[in-house]
């Protein structure tokens, strides 16, 4: 038997985390189904499952952070973590492709969809002005992409003060974006049930908003770890993954702003109908 480890791979110890997470997700899904079917146990089960999933996320990622701090994340392991994050972001890209596909399928060929009355946008839909709150949120996200890059650059050069400042600015901008989007939703003249336009609009922009919230929490965790003294110029995959995720959120919003808000405005709709109607 070998006296010590002769490879750079991290072999995980037996863990109950996968089983516990599976049970939490099962409870969450069952509760959601029961709630949608108006079962009395549905809502309590859903929130119990949601709490269990959040707890498992915390415990599991705490284990991963511990592994990183104890030297288990060798250069080979870090490389494979990067591959995993790239594949995860690629899967998220395809998730949004589905919503763009649904939107353009109805917008470019409204005559093929009886549900929209042969016109786009459907009658009764009062479009949002793309150059008010959507433009403001675009500027906010672009600025946040700059600030998270500033934080990353500071980390690489071991500038802890700059790292903290860049993270604080990015988190605050993310919270402002979420607040502006909530205000926009509250004042919109249509809802998700108002034709395929409302469904496509809220599913695409709403899921993006959810990703912004997740990314903001991701960065908050990075900020907390920064104050604890984690991350070094040579080993900081946790922060790097958060930065990649945030840039992905930025790029998706640019496509949403151009395609749904600007192209989907009255001007864009008029051009689409004249060419494809």
Foldseek 3Di string as FASTA:
>chain_A
DDPDDPDLAQDDDDDCLVVQLVVLVVQLVQLCVCVVVVHPCNVVSNVSSVVSNVVSVVVVVVVVVVCVVVPSCDPVNLVVVVVVLVVVLVVVVVVLVVLVCLVCVCLLAVCVDVQQVRAPPRPPFDADQLCPLVVVLLVLLVVLLVLLVQLLVCQLVVNLVSVLVSLVSNLVSLVVSLVSVVVVQVPGSDACPNTSLRVSLCVNVVVLNVLSVVLSVLSVVVSVVSVVVDGHSVDDSSSVSSSVSSVSSSVSSVCCSVVCNPLSPPVNSVVSVVVRD
